[in-house]
């Protein structure tokens, strides 16, 4: 028995009956990482939903200028001029992917909102003379941009909430 009648001193004991130190290597970060991963997935999913929502129903608008005829919905058979065909885009017939030199046709109702689709170049189709990407503010802006393009007969613009997706197509009826 040690002198003084007490227990021998051990350096790993805590004075006053305190809790021993936690074992090394366990810091309790597992639950924190799980919460961060769940939050990251929620934010990424919400961002993807926001980005892709409304993509199928864009609000494109086109109107003819005073000197240009309206985009016709029905093709004419009386035009005898053969036209070279442009290759269809790789990913879609959507006019958002139209490039200079390609042709589009209007599949919208006559007198209604135009619905352009990339197509073969044929009579009564519209050849893209110029594509102007960037923010557009509407009909007047589209008309002003196409006024600088020689030979255009019609224009079409796509205006979305995200200005980087906006564009104007300056078209020539074939």
Protein backbone atom coordinates (compact mmCIF):
# COMPACT_ATOMS: atom_id res chain seq x y z
CA UNK A 1 0.00 0.00 0.00
CA UNK A 2 1.32 3.42 -0.86
CA UNK A 3 2.19 5.90 1.80
CA UNK A 4 -0.55 8.28 2.94
CA UNK A 5 -3.22 5.62 2.46
CA UNK A 6 -4.39 6.74 -0.95
CA UNK A 7 -4.27 5.36 -4.39
CA UNK A 8 -1.10 5.65 -6.42
CA UNK A 9 -1.02 8.51 -8.95
CA UNK A 10 -1.40 7.54 -12.59
CA UNK A 11 -0.83 10.30 -15.20
CA UNK A 12 -3.72 9.14 -17.43
CA UNK A 13 -6.28 9.73 -14.65
CA UNK A 14 -8.34 12.92 -14.77
CA UNK A 15 -8.50 14.99 -11.60
CA UNK A 16 -11.81 15.50 -9.84
CA UNK A 17 -13.48 12.51 -11.52
CA UNK A 18 -13.77 14.10 -15.00
CA UNK A 19 -14.58 12.11 -18.13
CA UNK A 20 -11.68 10.48 -19.89
CA UNK A 21 -10.62 11.98 -23.24
CA UNK A 22 -12.31 10.51 -26.35
CA UNK A 23 -10.30 7.95 -28.27
CA UNK A 24 -8.14 9.48 -31.01
CA UNK A 25 -9.23 9.23 -34.66
CA UNK A 26 -12.99 9.75 -34.20
CA UNK A 27 -13.95 13.38 -34.74
CA UNK A 28 -17.69 13.02 -35.50
CA UNK A 29 -17.53 14.30 -39.11
CA UNK A 30 -19.59 11.46 -40.60
CA UNK A 31 -23.02 13.03 -39.92
CA UNK A 32 -21.78 16.44 -41.09
CA UNK A 33 -20.56 14.97 -44.39
CA UNK A 34 -23.87 13.15 -44.88
CA UNK A 35 -25.82 16.39 -44.39
CA UNK A 36 -23.54 18.26 -46.81
CA UNK A 37 -23.93 15.55 -49.48
CA UNK A 38 -27.73 15.63 -49.14
CA UNK A 39 -27.75 19.45 -49.41
CA UNK A 40 -25.50 19.34 -52.46
CA UNK A 41 -27.80 16.85 -54.18
CA UNK A 42 -30.86 18.97 -53.38
CA UNK A 43 -29.24 22.13 -54.75
CA UNK A 44 -28.03 20.33 -57.90
CA UNK A 45 -31.46 18.77 -58.47
CA UNK A 46 -33.22 22.10 -57.96
CA UNK A 47 -30.82 23.81 -60.35
CA UNK A 48 -31.36 21.14 -63.00
CA UNK A 49 -35.13 21.42 -62.60
CA UNK A 50 -34.99 25.22 -62.93
CA UNK A 51 -32.73 25.01 -65.97
CA UNK A 52 -34.79 22.44 -67.83
CA UNK A 53 -38.29 23.51 -66.79
CA UNK A 54 -40.12 25.37 -69.49
CA UNK A 55 -37.71 24.23 -72.22
CA UNK A 56 -40.47 22.48 -74.18
CA UNK A 57 -42.67 25.58 -74.33
CA UNK A 58 -40.41 28.49 -75.29
CA UNK A 59 -41.91 31.84 -76.15
CA UNK A 60 -40.47 32.52 -79.62
CA UNK A 61 -42.02 35.36 -81.54
CA UNK A 62 -41.66 36.36 -85.14
CA UNK A 63 -43.41 38.96 -87.19
CA UNK A 64 -42.86 40.16 -90.71
CA UNK A 65 -41.65 43.63 -91.46
CA UNK A 66 -43.72 45.96 -93.61
CA UNK A 67 -41.75 44.98 -96.71
CA UNK A 68 -41.58 41.26 -95.93
CA UNK A 69 -44.41 38.73 -96.28
CA UNK A 70 -45.53 36.66 -93.31
CA UNK A 71 -44.04 33.22 -92.76
CA UNK A 72 -46.45 30.86 -94.59
CA UNK A 73 -47.54 27.62 -92.98
CA UNK A 74 -48.43 25.84 -96.24
CA UNK A 75 -45.76 25.28 -98.88
CA UNK A 76 -46.51 26.36 -102.44
CA UNK A 77 -46.31 23.88 -105.30
CA UNK A 78 -46.04 26.49 -108.05
CA UNK A 79 -42.40 27.34 -107.30
CA UNK A 80 -40.20 25.51 -109.78
CA UNK A 81 -36.79 26.57 -108.50
CA UNK A 82 -34.86 23.54 -107.26
CA UNK A 83 -32.94 24.26 -104.10
CA UNK A 84 -29.85 22.62 -102.67
CA UNK A 85 -30.48 21.00 -99.35
CA UNK A 86 -28.67 21.77 -96.15
CA UNK A 87 -27.82 19.05 -93.69
CA UNK A 88 -30.13 18.74 -90.71
CA UNK A 89 -28.53 19.49 -87.35
CA UNK A 90 -27.09 16.63 -85.39
CA UNK A 91 -29.20 17.00 -82.28
CA UNK A 92 -32.56 18.56 -83.10
CA UNK A 93 -34.86 20.26 -85.58
CA UNK A 94 -35.43 23.03 -83.03
CA UNK A 95 -34.58 26.50 -84.41
CA UNK A 96 -32.35 27.09 -81.36
CA UNK A 97 -29.81 24.94 -83.20
CA UNK A 98 -30.18 26.61 -86.64
CA UNK A 99 -26.96 27.70 -88.30
CA UNK A 100 -26.27 30.10 -91.15
CA UNK A 101 -26.98 28.39 -94.47
CA UNK A 102 -29.54 25.94 -93.09
CA UNK A 103 -33.24 26.22 -93.86
CA UNK A 104 -36.29 26.30 -91.63
CA UNK A 105 -39.99 25.85 -92.31
CA UNK A 106 -43.01 27.15 -90.45
CA UNK A 107 -45.21 24.37 -89.07
CA UNK A 108 -47.38 26.81 -87.10
CA UNK A 109 -51.01 27.62 -87.91
CA UNK A 110 -51.55 30.28 -90.59
CA UNK A 111 -51.90 33.67 -88.93
CA UNK A 112 -50.85 32.24 -85.56
CA UNK A 113 -47.63 31.98 -83.62
CA UNK A 114 -44.88 30.59 -85.86
CA UNK A 115 -43.37 27.19 -85.10
CA UNK A 116 -40.09 26.94 -86.97
CA UNK A 117 -38.34 23.63 -87.56
CA UNK A 118 -35.01 23.02 -89.27
CA UNK A 119 -35.72 21.34 -92.60
CA UNK A 120 -34.41 20.67 -96.06
CA UNK A 121 -34.06 23.73 -98.27
CA UNK A 122 -37.10 23.65 -100.53
CA UNK A 123 -39.46 26.17 -102.10
CA UNK A 124 -41.29 28.25 -99.47
CA UNK A 125 -38.71 27.37 -96.82
CA UNK A 126 -36.57 30.07 -95.22
CA UNK A 127 -32.79 30.10 -95.45
CA UNK A 128 -30.91 31.43 -92.44
CA UNK A 129 -28.80 34.34 -93.68
CA UNK A 130 -27.61 35.46 -90.26
CA UNK A 131 -27.86 34.26 -86.67
CA UNK A 132 -27.38 36.88 -83.97
CA UNK A 133 -26.91 35.37 -80.51
CA UNK A 134 -27.39 37.44 -77.37
CA UNK A 135 -30.05 39.39 -75.55
CA UNK A 136 -32.99 40.57 -77.61
CA UNK A 137 -35.76 42.85 -76.46
CA UNK A 138 -38.44 41.91 -78.99
CA UNK A 139 -39.74 42.67 -82.44
CA UNK A 140 -38.16 46.10 -82.91
CA UNK A 141 -34.79 44.81 -81.79
CA UNK A 142 -34.99 41.81 -84.15
CA UNK A 143 -36.04 44.03 -87.04
CA UNK A 144 -33.18 46.46 -86.35
CA UNK A 145 -30.64 43.65 -86.20
CA UNK A 146 -31.82 42.09 -89.46
CA UNK A 147 -31.98 45.46 -91.23
CA UNK A 148 -28.19 45.22 -91.48
CA UNK A 149 -28.40 41.85 -93.30
CA UNK A 150 -28.60 42.15 -97.08
CA UNK A 151 -31.40 40.18 -98.76
CA UNK A 152 -33.42 39.19 -95.71
CA UNK A 153 -37.20 38.90 -96.09
CA UNK A 154 -38.27 37.76 -92.61
CA UNK A 155 -36.91 37.51 -89.11
CA UNK A 156 -37.54 35.29 -86.12
CA UNK A 157 -36.46 35.80 -82.56
CA UNK A 158 -36.33 33.68 -79.42
CA UNK A 159 -36.59 35.58 -76.14
CA UNK A 160 -36.17 33.65 -72.89
CA UNK A 161 -35.75 34.60 -69.25
CA UNK A 162 -32.05 33.80 -69.56
CA UNK A 163 -30.61 36.37 -72.00
CA UNK A 164 -27.70 34.14 -72.97
CA UNK A 165 -30.19 31.82 -74.73
CA UNK A 166 -31.79 34.60 -76.82
CA UNK A 167 -31.17 34.80 -80.56
CA UNK A 168 -32.45 36.38 -83.78
CA UNK A 169 -32.58 34.61 -87.15
CA UNK A 170 -32.55 36.76 -90.29
CA UNK A 171 -34.28 34.72 -92.98
CA UNK A 172 -34.71 34.77 -96.74
CA UNK A 173 -37.75 33.07 -98.23
CA UNK A 174 -36.78 30.62 -100.96
